[in-house]
C-alpha atoms as a PDB file:
ATOM      1  CA  MET A   1      -3.632  43.489 -14.498  1.00  0.00           C
ATOM      2  CA  ASN A   2      -4.385  40.829 -11.929  1.00  0.00           C
ATOM      3  CA  PHE A   3      -3.247  37.528 -13.449  1.00  0.00           C
ATOM      4  CA  ILE A   4      -0.179  35.785 -11.974  1.00  0.00           C
ATOM      5  CA  ASP A   5       1.329  32.686 -13.567  1.00  0.00           C
ATOM      6  CA  THR A   6       3.906  30.488 -11.853  1.00  0.00           C
ATOM      7  CA  ALA A   7       4.766  26.773 -11.463  1.00  0.00           C
ATOM      8  CA  ASP A   8       5.908  24.395  -8.766  1.00  0.00           C
ATOM      9  CA  ALA A   9       9.189  23.687 -10.573  1.00  0.00           C
ATOM     10  CA  TYR A  10      10.228  27.323 -11.034  1.00  0.00           C
ATOM     11  CA  VAL A  11      13.353  27.841  -8.909  1.00  0.00           C
ATOM     12  CA  GLY A  12      12.581  24.701  -6.948  1.00  0.00           C
ATOM     13  CA  GLY A  13       9.339  26.107  -5.540  1.00  0.00           C
ATOM     14  CA  ASP A  14      10.768  29.508  -4.586  1.00  0.00           C
ATOM     15  CA  SER A  15       8.701  31.268  -7.254  1.00  0.00           C
ATOM     16  CA  GLU A  16       5.505  30.028  -5.600  1.00  0.00           C
ATOM     17  CA  ARG A  17       6.828  31.014  -2.168  1.00  0.00           C
ATOM     18  CA  LEU A  18       7.558  34.558  -3.355  1.00  0.00           C
ATOM     19  CA  VAL A  19       4.160  34.885  -5.024  1.00  0.00           C
ATOM     20  CA  GLY A  20       2.485  33.612  -1.864  1.00  0.00           C
ATOM     21  CA  ARG A  21       4.185  36.260   0.260  1.00  0.00           C
ATOM     22  CA  CYS A  22       3.376  39.044  -2.190  1.00  0.00           C
ATOM     23  CA  ILE A  23      -0.349  38.373  -2.585  1.00  0.00           C
ATOM     24  CA  LYS A  24      -1.166  37.102   0.896  1.00  0.00           C
ATOM     25  CA  THR A  25      -3.052  40.245   1.955  1.00  0.00           C
ATOM     26  CA  SER A  26      -4.876  40.723  -1.370  1.00  0.00           C
ATOM     27  CA  ARG A  27      -5.530  37.133  -2.508  1.00  0.00           C
ATOM     28  CA  ASP A  28      -9.050  37.749  -3.834  1.00  0.00           C
ATOM     29  CA  HIS A  29      -7.770  40.430  -6.210  1.00  0.00           C
ATOM     30  CA  TRP A  30      -5.589  37.965  -8.099  1.00  0.00           C
ATOM     31  CA  VAL A  31      -6.263  35.239 -10.626  1.00  0.00           C
ATOM     32  CA  LEU A  32      -3.555  32.810  -9.556  1.00  0.00           C
ATOM     33  CA  ALA A  33      -2.273  30.086 -11.869  1.00  0.00           C
ATOM     34  CA  THR A  34       0.358  27.479 -11.166  1.00  0.00           C
ATOM     35  CA  LYS A  35       1.408  24.211 -12.791  1.00  0.00           C
ATOM     36  CA  LEU A  36       2.526  20.681 -12.092  1.00  0.00           C
ATOM     37  CA  ALA A  37       4.154  17.725 -13.897  1.00  0.00           C
ATOM     38  CA  ASN A  38       7.873  18.553 -13.890  1.00  0.00           C
ATOM     39  CA  LYS A  39       9.998  16.520 -11.497  1.00  0.00           C
ATOM     40  CA  MET A  40      10.395  18.281  -8.170  1.00  0.00           C
ATOM     41  CA  ARG A  41      12.687  15.879  -6.339  1.00  0.00           C
ATOM     42  CA  GLN A  42      14.440  12.555  -6.797  1.00  0.00           C
ATOM     43  CA  GLY A  43      12.188   9.540  -6.550  1.00  0.00           C
ATOM     44  CA  PRO A  44       9.569   7.737  -8.650  1.00  0.00           C
ATOM     45  CA  ASN A  45       6.572   9.731  -7.384  1.00  0.00           C
ATOM     46  CA  LYS A  46       7.855  13.310  -7.342  1.00  0.00           C
ATOM     47  CA  GLY A  47       6.661  14.459 -10.738  1.00  0.00           C
ATOM     48  CA  GLY A  48       4.394  13.530 -13.629  1.00  0.00           C
ATOM     49  CA  LEU A  49       0.608  13.421 -13.621  1.00  0.00           C
ATOM     50  CA  SER A  50      -0.319  10.295 -11.687  1.00  0.00           C
ATOM     51  CA  ARG A  51      -3.217  10.657  -9.266  1.00  0.00           C
ATOM     52  CA  LYS A  52      -0.801  10.225  -6.350  1.00  0.00           C
ATOM     53  CA  TRP A  53       1.434  13.084  -7.482  1.00  0.00           C
ATOM     54  CA  VAL A  54      -1.403  15.376  -8.600  1.00  0.00           C
ATOM     55  CA  MET A  55      -2.885  15.274  -5.101  1.00  0.00           C
ATOM     56  CA  GLN A  56       0.457  15.693  -3.340  1.00  0.00           C
ATOM     57  CA  ALA A  57       1.717  18.398  -5.698  1.00  0.00           C
ATOM     58  CA  CYS A  58      -1.454  20.439  -5.234  1.00  0.00           C
ATOM     59  CA  GLU A  59      -1.134  20.350  -1.439  1.00  0.00           C
ATOM     60  CA  GLU A  60       2.523  21.396  -1.644  1.00  0.00           C
ATOM     61  CA  SER A  61       1.722  24.279  -4.017  1.00  0.00           C
ATOM     62  CA  LEU A  62      -1.089  25.479  -1.753  1.00  0.00           C
ATOM     63  CA  ARG A  63       1.323  25.582   1.182  1.00  0.00           C
ATOM     64  CA  ARG A  64       3.987  27.474  -0.753  1.00  0.00           C
ATOM     65  CA  LEU A  65       1.415  29.909  -2.143  1.00  0.00           C
ATOM     66  CA  ARG A  66      -0.138  30.456   1.313  1.00  0.00           C
ATOM     67  CA  THR A  67      -3.628  30.012  -0.052  1.00  0.00           C
ATOM     68  CA  ASP A  68      -6.431  27.491   0.212  1.00  0.00           C
ATOM     69  CA  TYR A  69      -7.291  27.458  -3.499  1.00  0.00           C
ATOM     70  CA  ILE A  70      -5.681  27.847  -6.925  1.00  0.00           C
ATOM     71  CA  ASP A  71      -7.658  29.602  -9.646  1.00  0.00           C
ATOM     72  CA  ILE A  72      -6.108  27.766 -12.612  1.00  0.00           C
ATOM     73  CA  TYR A  73      -4.067  24.585 -12.192  1.00  0.00           C
ATOM     74  CA  TYR A  74      -2.128  23.731 -15.348  1.00  0.00           C
ATOM     75  CA  LEU A  75      -0.887  20.351 -16.504  1.00  0.00           C
ATOM     76  CA  HIS A  76       2.565  21.731 -17.360  1.00  0.00           C
ATOM     77  CA  LYS A  77       3.473  19.064 -19.887  1.00  0.00           C
ATOM     78  CA  GLU A  78       2.273  15.709 -21.166  1.00  0.00           C
ATOM     79  CA  ASP A  79       2.971  12.601 -19.103  1.00  0.00           C
ATOM     80  CA  HIS A  80       2.953   9.635 -21.459  1.00  0.00           C
ATOM     81  CA  ALA A  81       3.336   7.193 -18.551  1.00  0.00           C
ATOM     82  CA  THR A  82      -0.036   8.109 -17.022  1.00  0.00           C
ATOM     83  CA  PRO A  83      -3.424   7.546 -18.694  1.00  0.00           C
ATOM     84  CA  LEU A  84      -5.215  10.812 -19.435  1.00  0.00           C
ATOM     85  CA  ARG A  85      -8.328   9.495 -17.694  1.00  0.00           C
ATOM     86  CA  GLU A  86      -6.432   9.061 -14.401  1.00  0.00           C
ATOM     87  CA  THR A  87      -5.108  12.615 -14.491  1.00  0.00           C
ATOM     88  CA  ILE A  88      -8.469  14.105 -15.447  1.00  0.00           C
ATOM     89  CA  MET A  89     -10.298  12.276 -12.658  1.00  0.00           C
ATOM     90  CA  ALA A  90      -7.758  13.653 -10.176  1.00  0.00           C
ATOM     91  CA  MET A  91      -8.300  17.185 -11.494  1.00  0.00           C
ATOM     92  CA  GLY A  92     -12.050  16.686 -11.215  1.00  0.00           C
ATOM     93  CA  ASP A  93     -11.668  15.699  -7.568  1.00  0.00           C
ATOM     94  CA  LEU A  94      -9.528  18.773  -6.857  1.00  0.00           C
ATOM     95  CA  ILE A  95     -12.264  20.961  -8.353  1.00  0.00           C
ATOM     96  CA  LYS A  96     -14.931  19.137  -6.327  1.00  0.00           C
ATOM     97  CA  ASP A  97     -12.883  19.585  -3.132  1.00  0.00           C
ATOM     98  CA  GLY A  98     -12.473  23.328  -3.766  1.00  0.00           C
ATOM     99  CA  LYS A  99      -8.676  23.075  -4.007  1.00  0.00           C
ATOM    100  CA  ILE A 100      -8.712  24.436  -7.563  1.00  0.00           C
ATOM    101  CA  ARG A 101     -11.313  26.423  -9.475  1.00  0.00           C
ATOM    102  CA  TYR A 102     -10.363  25.324 -13.006  1.00  0.00           C
ATOM    103  CA  PHE A 103      -7.654  23.386 -14.777  1.00  0.00           C
ATOM    104  CA  GLY A 104      -5.715  24.052 -17.953  1.00  0.00           C
ATOM    105  CA  VAL A 105      -3.046  22.506 -20.166  1.00  0.00           C
ATOM    106  CA  SER A 106       0.371  23.690 -21.290  1.00  0.00           C
ATOM    107  CA  ASN A 107       2.569  22.337 -24.096  1.00  0.00           C
ATOM    108  CA  TYR A 108      -0.096  19.828 -25.135  1.00  0.00           C
ATOM    109  CA  ARG A 109      -0.601  18.433 -28.623  1.00  0.00           C
ATOM    110  CA  SER A 110      -3.878  19.443 -30.266  1.00  0.00           C
ATOM    111  CA  TRP A 111      -5.230  15.898 -30.458  1.00  0.00           C
ATOM    112  CA  ARG A 112      -4.622  15.440 -26.739  1.00  0.00           C
ATOM    113  CA  VAL A 113      -6.540  18.630 -25.990  1.00  0.00           C
ATOM    114  CA  ALA A 114      -9.450  17.153 -27.958  1.00  0.00           C
ATOM    115  CA  GLU A 115      -9.149  13.806 -26.157  1.00  0.00           C
ATOM    116  CA  ILE A 116      -9.048  15.502 -22.747  1.00  0.00           C
ATOM    117  CA  CYS A 117     -12.238  17.404 -23.574  1.00  0.00           C
ATOM    118  CA  ASN A 118     -13.955  14.208 -24.727  1.00  0.00           C
ATOM    119  CA  ILE A 119     -12.920  12.347 -21.561  1.00  0.00           C
ATOM    120  CA  CYS A 120     -14.149  15.255 -19.431  1.00  0.00           C
ATOM    121  CA  ASP A 121     -17.522  15.175 -21.182  1.00  0.00           C
ATOM    122  CA  ASN A 122     -17.836  11.413 -20.666  1.00  0.00           C
ATOM    123  CA  LEU A 123     -16.933  11.679 -16.972  1.00  0.00           C
ATOM    124  CA  GLY A 124     -19.045  14.755 -16.257  1.00  0.00           C
ATOM    125  CA  ILE A 125     -15.964  16.798 -15.334  1.00  0.00           C
ATOM    126  CA  ASP A 126     -15.548  20.418 -16.382  1.00  0.00           C
ATOM    127  CA  ARG A 127     -13.323  20.752 -19.438  1.00  0.00           C
ATOM    128  CA  PRO A 128     -10.018  22.609 -19.161  1.00  0.00           C
ATOM    129  CA  ILE A 129     -10.621  26.310 -19.653  1.00  0.00           C
ATOM    130  CA  VAL A 130      -7.268  27.385 -21.084  1.00  0.00           C
ATOM    131  CA  SER A 131      -4.211  26.228 -23.002  1.00  0.00           C
ATOM    132  CA  GLN A 132      -0.756  27.735 -22.743  1.00  0.00           C
ATOM    133  CA  PRO A 133       1.177  27.101 -25.978  1.00  0.00           C
ATOM    134  CA  TYR A 134       4.524  28.418 -27.148  1.00  0.00           C
ATOM    135  CA  TYR A 135       3.290  31.003 -29.658  1.00  0.00           C
ATOM    136  CA  ASN A 136       4.798  34.216 -30.972  1.00  0.00           C
ATOM    137  CA  ALA A 137       5.610  35.970 -34.236  1.00  0.00           C
ATOM    138  CA  MET A 138       8.623  33.681 -34.782  1.00  0.00           C
ATOM    139  CA  ASN A 139       6.604  30.507 -34.177  1.00  0.00           C
ATOM    140  CA  ARG A 140       3.191  30.485 -35.839  1.00  0.00           C
ATOM    141  CA  MET A 141       2.820  26.688 -35.888  1.00  0.00           C
ATOM    142  CA  PRO A 142       0.020  26.697 -33.257  1.00  0.00           C
ATOM    143  CA  GLU A 143      -2.189  28.406 -35.862  1.00  0.00           C
ATOM    144  CA  THR A 144      -2.437  25.195 -37.913  1.00  0.00           C
ATOM    145  CA  GLU A 145      -4.294  23.047 -35.382  1.00  0.00           C
ATOM    146  CA  HIS A 146      -3.791  24.053 -31.764  1.00  0.00           C
ATOM    147  CA  ILE A 147      -5.506  27.430 -31.697  1.00  0.00           C
ATOM    148  CA  PRO A 148      -8.437  26.249 -33.878  1.00  0.00           C
ATOM    149  CA  ALA A 149      -8.853  23.223 -31.557  1.00  0.00           C
ATOM    150  CA  CYS A 150      -8.915  25.481 -28.507  1.00  0.00           C
ATOM    151  CA  LYS A 151     -11.485  27.722 -30.145  1.00  0.00           C
ATOM    152  CA  TYR A 152     -13.669  24.738 -31.048  1.00  0.00           C
ATOM    153  CA  TYR A 153     -13.534  23.190 -27.566  1.00  0.00           C
ATOM    154  CA  GLY A 154     -13.943  26.493 -25.747  1.00  0.00           C
ATOM    155  CA  LEU A 155     -10.462  26.917 -24.269  1.00  0.00           C
ATOM    156  CA  GLY A 156      -8.863  30.303 -23.887  1.00  0.00           C
ATOM    157  CA  VAL A 157      -5.335  30.643 -25.286  1.00  0.00           C
ATOM    158  CA  VAL A 158      -2.610  32.250 -23.166  1.00  0.00           C
ATOM    159  CA  PRO A 159       0.718  32.066 -25.039  1.00  0.00           C
ATOM    160  CA  TYR A 160       4.002  31.973 -23.169  1.00  0.00           C
ATOM    161  CA  SER A 161       7.291  33.449 -24.398  1.00  0.00           C
ATOM    162  CA  PRO A 162       5.581  36.196 -26.449  1.00  0.00           C
ATOM    163  CA  LEU A 163       9.005  37.691 -27.221  1.00  0.00           C
ATOM    164  CA  ALA A 164      10.597  34.390 -28.307  1.00  0.00           C
ATOM    165  CA  ARG A 165      12.830  34.259 -25.225  1.00  0.00           C
ATOM    166  CA  GLY A 166      14.161  37.723 -25.960  1.00  0.00           C
ATOM    167  CA  VAL A 167      14.721  37.531 -29.719  1.00  0.00           C
ATOM    168  CA  LEU A 168      11.693  39.764 -30.351  1.00  0.00           C
ATOM    169  CA  THR A 169      13.088  42.495 -28.128  1.00  0.00           C
ATOM    170  CA  GLY A 170      15.518  43.350 -30.914  1.00  0.00           C
ATOM    171  CA  LYS A 171      18.489  43.241 -28.534  1.00  0.00           C
ATOM    172  CA  TYR A 172      20.281  40.422 -30.332  1.00  0.00           C
ATOM    173  CA  ASN A 173      22.255  40.474 -33.545  1.00  0.00           C
ATOM    174  CA  THR A 174      24.723  38.042 -35.074  1.00  0.00           C
ATOM    175  CA  LYS A 175      27.600  40.531 -35.271  1.00  0.00           C
ATOM    176  CA  SER A 176      28.102  41.480 -31.636  1.00  0.00           C
ATOM    177  CA  LYS A 177      28.386  39.713 -28.295  1.00  0.00           C
ATOM    178  CA  PRO A 178      25.068  39.054 -26.537  1.00  0.00           C
ATOM    179  CA  GLU A 179      24.132  40.958 -23.390  1.00  0.00           C
ATOM    180  CA  LYS A 180      25.778  39.512 -20.285  1.00  0.00           C
ATOM    181  CA  GLY A 181      23.436  37.215 -18.376  1.00  0.00           C
ATOM    182  CA  SER A 182      21.100  36.726 -21.350  1.00  0.00           C
ATOM    183  CA  ARG A 183      20.033  33.269 -22.467  1.00  0.00           C
ATOM    184  CA  VAL A 184      22.280  33.473 -25.519  1.00  0.00           C
ATOM    185  CA  ALA A 185      25.275  34.489 -23.406  1.00  0.00           C
ATOM    186  CA  ARG A 186      24.572  31.520 -21.122  1.00  0.00           C
ATOM    187  CA  LYS A 187      24.212  29.216 -24.148  1.00  0.00           C
ATOM    188  CA  ASP A 188      20.825  28.060 -22.882  1.00  0.00           C
ATOM    189  CA  ARG A 189      20.188  24.731 -24.624  1.00  0.00           C
ATOM    190  CA  ARG A 190      16.553  25.371 -25.468  1.00  0.00           C
ATOM    191  CA  MET A 191      17.337  28.879 -26.687  1.00  0.00           C
ATOM    192  CA  MET A 192      20.255  27.766 -28.865  1.00  0.00           C
ATOM    193  CA  GLN A 193      18.235  24.995 -30.517  1.00  0.00           C
ATOM    194  CA  THR A 194      15.049  26.964 -31.044  1.00  0.00           C
ATOM    195  CA  GLU A 195      15.045  30.774 -31.061  1.00  0.00           C
ATOM    196  CA  TRP A 196      18.697  31.573 -31.671  1.00  0.00           C
ATOM    197  CA  ARG A 197      18.979  31.287 -35.440  1.00  0.00           C
ATOM    198  CA  GLU A 198      20.228  33.659 -38.069  1.00  0.00           C
ATOM    199  CA  GLU A 199      16.928  33.746 -39.966  1.00  0.00           C
ATOM    200  CA  SER A 200      15.022  34.899 -36.880  1.00  0.00           C
ATOM    201  CA  VAL A 201      17.524  37.631 -36.065  1.00  0.00           C
ATOM    202  CA  GLU A 202      17.383  38.889 -39.665  1.00  0.00           C
ATOM    203  CA  ILE A 203      13.582  38.981 -39.567  1.00  0.00           C
ATOM    204  CA  VAL A 204      13.671  40.930 -36.303  1.00  0.00           C
ATOM    205  CA  GLU A 205      15.977  43.492 -37.937  1.00  0.00           C
ATOM    206  CA  LYS A 206      13.333  43.989 -40.632  1.00  0.00           C
ATOM    207  CA  ILE A 207      10.613  44.295 -37.981  1.00  0.00           C
ATOM    208  CA  LYS A 208      12.781  46.858 -36.200  1.00  0.00           C
ATOM    209  CA  ARG A 209      13.028  49.004 -39.354  1.00  0.00           C
ATOM    210  CA  HIS A 210       9.259  48.771 -39.853  1.00  0.00           C
ATOM    211  CA  ALA A 211       8.623  49.651 -36.193  1.00  0.00           C
ATOM    212  CA  LYS A 212      10.850  52.713 -36.437  1.00  0.00           C
ATOM    213  CA  LYS A 213       8.664  54.065 -39.245  1.00  0.00           C
ATOM    214  CA  GLN A 214       5.646  53.578 -36.986  1.00  0.00           C
ATOM    215  CA  LYS A 215       7.440  55.295 -34.075  1.00  0.00           C
ATOM    216  CA  ALA A 216       7.176  52.007 -32.211  1.00  0.00           C
ATOM    217  CA  THR A 217       9.466  49.246 -30.944  1.00  0.00           C
ATOM    218  CA  VAL A 218       9.846  45.603 -31.899  1.00  0.00           C
ATOM    219  CA  ILE A 219       8.203  44.723 -28.572  1.00  0.00           C
ATOM    220  CA  ASP A 220       5.213  46.958 -29.384  1.00  0.00           C
ATOM    221  CA  ILE A 221       4.748  45.113 -32.675  1.00  0.00           C
ATOM    222  CA  ALA A 222       5.288  41.626 -31.179  1.00  0.00           C
ATOM    223  CA  ILE A 223       2.803  42.119 -28.334  1.00  0.00           C
ATOM    224  CA  GLY A 224       0.319  43.938 -30.552  1.00  0.00           C
ATOM    225  CA  TRP A 225       0.483  41.124 -33.099  1.00  0.00           C
ATOM    226  CA  LEU A 226      -0.371  38.482 -30.496  1.00  0.00           C
ATOM    227  CA  LEU A 227      -3.276  40.472 -29.090  1.00  0.00           C
ATOM    228  CA  ASN A 228      -4.608  41.133 -32.607  1.00  0.00           C
ATOM    229  CA  ASN A 229      -5.767  37.498 -32.643  1.00  0.00           C
ATOM    230  CA  SER A 230      -9.264  37.230 -31.127  1.00  0.00           C
ATOM    231  CA  ALA A 231      -8.501  33.669 -29.952  1.00  0.00           C
ATOM    232  CA  ILE A 232      -5.869  35.009 -27.546  1.00  0.00           C
ATOM    233  CA  THR A 233      -7.187  35.588 -24.032  1.00  0.00           C
ATOM    234  CA  SER A 234      -4.047  36.963 -22.417  1.00  0.00           C
ATOM    235  CA  LEU A 235      -0.326  36.274 -22.488  1.00  0.00           C
ATOM    236  CA  VAL A 236       2.389  35.277 -20.049  1.00  0.00           C
ATOM    237  CA  ALA A 237       5.126  37.877 -19.727  1.00  0.00           C
ATOM    238  CA  GLY A 238       8.364  36.999 -17.947  1.00  0.00           C
ATOM    239  CA  PRO A 239      10.296  40.224 -17.305  1.00  0.00           C
ATOM    240  CA  ARG A 240      13.573  39.934 -15.416  1.00  0.00           C
ATOM    241  CA  THR A 241      13.763  43.603 -14.402  1.00  0.00           C
ATOM    242  CA  MET A 242      11.336  46.434 -13.630  1.00  0.00           C
ATOM    243  CA  GLY A 243      12.471  48.137 -16.834  1.00  0.00           C
ATOM    244  CA  GLN A 244      11.462  45.098 -18.869  1.00  0.00           C
ATOM    245  CA  TRP A 245       8.092  45.022 -17.106  1.00  0.00           C
ATOM    246  CA  GLU A 246       7.479  48.682 -17.927  1.00  0.00           C
ATOM    247  CA  THR A 247       8.299  47.954 -21.573  1.00  0.00           C
ATOM    248  CA  TYR A 248       5.636  45.234 -21.641  1.00  0.00           C
ATOM    249  CA  VAL A 249       3.055  47.567 -20.117  1.00  0.00           C
ATOM    250  CA  LYS A 250       3.893  50.377 -22.539  1.00  0.00           C
ATOM    251  CA  ALA A 251       3.426  47.985 -25.475  1.00  0.00           C
ATOM    252  CA  LEU A 252      -0.263  47.723 -24.568  1.00  0.00           C
ATOM    253  CA  GLU A 253      -0.677  51.376 -25.552  1.00  0.00           C
ATOM    254  CA  TYR A 254       0.410  50.756 -29.151  1.00  0.00           C
ATOM    255  CA  LYS A 255      -2.390  50.792 -31.736  1.00  0.00           C
ATOM    256  CA  PHE A 256      -1.654  47.768 -33.907  1.00  0.00           C
ATOM    257  CA  LEU A 257      -2.270  48.465 -37.598  1.00  0.00           C
ATOM    258  CA  PRO A 258      -3.208  46.342 -40.654  1.00  0.00           C
ATOM    259  CA  GLU A 259       0.188  47.123 -42.195  1.00  0.00           C
ATOM    260  CA  ASP A 260       1.846  45.643 -39.097  1.00  0.00           C
ATOM    261  CA  GLU A 261      -0.114  42.422 -39.595  1.00  0.00           C
ATOM    262  CA  ALA A 262       0.823  42.317 -43.287  1.00  0.00           C
ATOM    263  CA  MET A 263       4.493  42.848 -42.460  1.00  0.00           C
ATOM    264  CA  ILE A 264       4.605  39.875 -40.053  1.00  0.00           C
ATOM    265  CA  GLU A 265       2.703  37.745 -42.570  1.00  0.00           C
ATOM    266  CA  LYS A 266       5.288  38.591 -45.224  1.00  0.00           C
ATOM    267  CA  PHE A 267       8.254  37.472 -43.126  1.00  0.00           C
ATOM    268  CA  VAL A 268       6.662  34.567 -41.193  1.00  0.00           C
ATOM    269  CA  PRO A 269       3.635  33.131 -43.025  1.00  0.00           C
ATOM    270  CA  SER A 270       0.646  31.848 -41.067  1.00  0.00           C
ATOM    271  CA  GLY A 271       1.184  28.401 -39.571  1.00  0.00           C
ATOM    272  CA  HIS A 272       4.966  28.451 -40.042  1.00  0.00           C
ATOM    273  CA  PRO A 273       8.037  29.158 -37.907  1.00  0.00           C
ATOM    274  CA  SER A 274      10.723  31.636 -38.899  1.00  0.00           C
ATOM    275  CA  SER A 275      12.879  28.812 -40.296  1.00  0.00           C
ATOM    276  CA  PRO A 276      12.909  25.000 -40.653  1.00  0.00           C
ATOM    277  CA  GLY A 277      13.727  22.911 -37.583  1.00  0.00           C
ATOM    278  CA  TYR A 278      12.251  25.427 -35.145  1.00  0.00           C
ATOM    279  CA  ASN A 279      11.181  23.239 -32.234  1.00  0.00           C
ATOM    280  CA  ASP A 280      11.831  23.324 -28.505  1.00  0.00           C
ATOM    281  CA  PRO A 281      13.925  20.234 -27.619  1.00  0.00           C
ATOM    282  CA  ALA A 282      11.989  19.940 -24.357  1.00  0.00           C
ATOM    283  CA  TYR A 283       8.943  18.906 -26.416  1.00  0.00           C
ATOM    284  CA  PRO A 284      10.148  16.655 -29.278  1.00  0.00           C
ATOM    285  CA  ILE A 285       8.085  16.262 -32.422  1.00  0.00           C
ATOM    286  CA  GLU A 286       6.060  13.039 -32.447  1.00  0.00           C
ATOM    287  CA  GLY A 287       5.000  11.050 -35.487  1.00  0.00           C
ATOM    288  CA  ARG A 288       8.153   9.433 -36.849  1.00  0.00           C
ATOM    289  CA  TYR A 289       8.151   5.895 -35.421  1.00  0.00           C
ATOM    290  CA  ARG A 290      11.207   4.319 -36.989  1.00  0.00           C
ATOM    291  CA  ILE A 291      11.252   0.619 -37.848  1.00  0.00           C
ATOM    292  CA  SER A 292      15.020   0.548 -38.353  1.00  0.00           C
END
């Protein structure tokens, strides 16, 4: 394992600073990815994907990471105020200058991935090499268009939140108090509006019973299910403790079986979420343009 994923906005830049200190003496061993777009400070030019901010944000990330290049530089989210062409030209210049090796996208709509690739082709700029969608066994919506689009345009797929922000660990249930310090205990807004729903918890209980028969854990099944998709290149794990990290690593040893795939398909059909209304409020659904 040699892939590290972070972002400028994580803990106000401290995540990048920590990563920079940790890998300083072994930089070439690591594939280092970071992201930009989220607002870093107050002011009109301290976030987004304008050329001005792309150039400044990259320099700031390089300083925090104590490196002279970034392997994969992600557009963390869409910036509707900046033309895609402007952002892509800036990324092309960063590649040309050796500041970044490749760029990727995160939380992008499928049609925008296609448009970015078309603009890149027209400008003679390398296409993005990877997309980072929110994809797990509780949210299979990326299977309808996003993953097929990535496969068609040659992007790898590296899902984030493979355990649905903790729901797919099996630690939650609706009858007892959540673990202290967990997202549910903190009433995290995104968690409460997306993952924390009775239907999901009930499905996880069924997965847990199935896993027990296989002498496995819910995490084994959840990670195995993601990696059983040939379109998936890797995944972004976000353990909070060493114990959680070890659980992720152990899950890689599990031999995922056809009956595991069939079980997930039964409870969460392909292309669907675990229940209606499953959408991260940070990335609202587009398409309903009300007249009145």
